Amino acid sequence: MHELSLVAAIADHALHALRGAGATQVVAVDLSLGVLSCANRASLEFCFPLAVRGTALEGAELRIRSAPLVLACGACGRQSERMDPVLRCPHCDDAGVDVISGADLTIDSLEVR
């Protein structure tokens, strides 16, 4: 389950940011979970309270937003968004697409006090 290591890394980043902001408690962590991120939302939600127990993140809300797959088509030149992992242009059905975004798991923001 690589989600536990992902959540541990998220916690490390959040704690570092917390110290830099001069705050004492993280209230919420906002994440974007890309369609191609290979992370399981339910596993992230399960692991989060375990990984942050005893830290300034304990009790924080984990808010996960699904981020679309953004593709650029080499055939028709159009950019498109998809909420499924299909690597084909939805306009011309060509497979010659470049992934612009949607393969990442990112921390969008932290709510601290």
Protein backbone atom coordinates (compact mmCIF):
# COMPACT_ATOMS: atom_id res chain seq x y z
CA MET A 1 0.00 0.00 0.00
CA HIS A 2 2.00 2.98 -1.26
CA GLU A 3 -0.70 5.36 -0.05
CA LEU A 4 0.75 5.20 3.47
CA SER A 5 4.10 6.51 2.21
CA LEU A 6 2.27 9.18 0.17
CA VAL A 7 0.33 10.33 3.22
CA ALA A 8 3.53 10.34 5.30
CA ALA A 9 5.18 12.58 2.68
CA ILE A 10 2.12 14.87 2.66
CA ALA A 11 2.31 15.10 6.45
CA ASP A 12 6.02 15.95 6.32
CA HIS A 13 5.38 18.75 3.81
CA ALA A 14 2.45 20.06 5.84
CA LEU A 15 4.44 20.07 9.10
CA HIS A 16 7.31 21.89 7.41
CA ALA A 17 4.89 24.50 6.02
CA LEU A 18 3.24 24.80 9.43
CA ARG A 19 6.54 25.66 11.09
CA GLY A 20 7.32 28.16 8.33
CA ALA A 21 3.97 29.88 8.83
CA GLY A 22 4.39 30.15 12.59
CA ALA A 23 1.14 28.24 13.15
CA THR A 24 0.54 25.41 15.61
CA GLN A 25 -2.25 23.29 14.14
CA VAL A 26 -3.33 22.11 10.69
CA VAL A 27 -7.11 22.22 10.39
CA ALA A 28 -7.44 20.88 6.83
CA VAL A 29 -5.34 19.56 3.97
CA ASP A 30 -6.64 20.06 0.43
CA LEU A 31 -5.34 17.63 -2.19
CA SER A 32 -5.85 17.21 -5.92
CA LEU A 33 -5.87 13.59 -7.01
CA GLY A 34 -5.19 13.26 -10.73
CA VAL A 35 -6.96 10.63 -12.81
CA LEU A 36 -3.60 8.97 -13.61
CA SER A 37 -2.02 9.45 -10.17
CA CYS A 38 -2.17 5.73 -9.29
CA ALA A 39 -3.25 6.60 -5.74
CA ASN A 40 -6.43 5.20 -4.29
CA ARG A 41 -8.69 7.83 -2.69
CA ALA A 42 -10.18 5.45 -0.10
CA SER A 43 -6.71 4.24 0.93
CA LEU A 44 -5.46 7.82 1.32
CA GLU A 45 -8.47 8.62 3.50
CA PHE A 46 -7.88 5.48 5.57
CA CYS A 47 -4.14 6.07 6.03
CA PHE A 48 -4.28 9.79 6.81
CA PRO A 49 -5.44 9.58 10.46
CA LEU A 50 -2.92 6.81 11.12
CA ALA A 51 -0.01 8.74 9.62
CA VAL A 52 -0.74 12.01 11.44
CA ARG A 53 -1.53 10.61 14.88
CA GLY A 54 0.38 12.51 17.55
CA THR A 55 1.32 15.39 15.22
CA ALA A 56 0.00 18.89 14.61
CA LEU A 57 -2.11 17.35 11.84
CA GLU A 58 -4.05 15.04 14.15
CA GLY A 59 -7.75 15.76 13.72
CA ALA A 60 -7.22 17.68 10.47
CA GLU A 61 -9.73 17.18 7.70
CA LEU A 62 -8.39 15.62 4.49
CA ARG A 63 -10.24 17.08 1.51
CA ILE A 64 -9.55 15.38 -1.80
CA ARG A 65 -10.58 16.88 -5.13
CA SER A 66 -10.54 14.76 -8.27
CA ALA A 67 -8.37 16.44 -10.89
CA PRO A 68 -9.08 15.81 -14.58
CA LEU A 69 -6.69 14.38 -17.10
CA VAL A 70 -5.68 17.22 -19.45
CA LEU A 71 -4.56 16.10 -22.89
CA ALA A 72 -3.13 17.90 -25.92
CA CYS A 73 -3.82 16.17 -29.24
CA GLY A 74 -1.08 16.10 -31.85
CA ALA A 75 -3.54 15.29 -34.64
CA CYS A 76 -6.25 17.94 -34.23
CA GLY A 77 -4.34 20.36 -31.99
CA ARG A 78 -7.08 20.61 -29.38
CA GLN A 79 -6.67 20.44 -25.63
CA SER A 80 -9.24 18.53 -23.63
CA GLU A 81 -10.10 17.34 -20.15
CA ARG A 82 -11.19 13.83 -19.22
CA MET A 83 -12.30 12.32 -15.93
CA ASP A 84 -11.41 8.83 -17.12
CA PRO A 85 -7.93 7.37 -17.79
CA VAL A 86 -8.41 7.04 -21.56
CA LEU A 87 -5.40 8.39 -23.47
CA ARG A 88 -7.28 9.29 -26.65
CA CYS A 89 -8.51 12.61 -27.93
CA PRO A 90 -12.24 12.91 -27.25
CA HIS A 91 -12.59 15.16 -30.34
CA CYS A 92 -10.91 13.10 -33.07
CA ASP A 93 -10.27 9.79 -31.22
CA ASP A 94 -6.54 9.91 -32.04
CA ALA A 95 -4.14 8.24 -29.58
CA GLY A 96 -1.34 10.72 -30.29
CA VAL A 97 -1.91 12.80 -27.19
CA ASP A 98 0.42 14.39 -24.65
CA VAL A 99 -0.54 14.42 -20.98
CA ILE A 100 -0.48 18.02 -19.77
CA SER A 101 -1.71 17.28 -16.24
CA GLY A 102 -3.73 14.79 -14.27
CA ALA A 103 -1.01 12.33 -13.30
CA ASP A 104 -0.17 14.04 -10.01
CA LEU A 105 -1.17 14.05 -6.39
CA THR A 106 -0.65 17.60 -5.15
CA ILE A 107 -1.20 19.58 -1.99
CA ASP A 108 -3.35 22.51 -3.04
CA SER A 109 -3.60 24.26 0.32
CA LEU A 110 -3.39 23.92 4.08
CA GLU A 111 -5.76 25.51 6.54
CA VAL A 112 -3.86 26.31 9.74
CA ARG A 113 -4.39 28.09 13.02
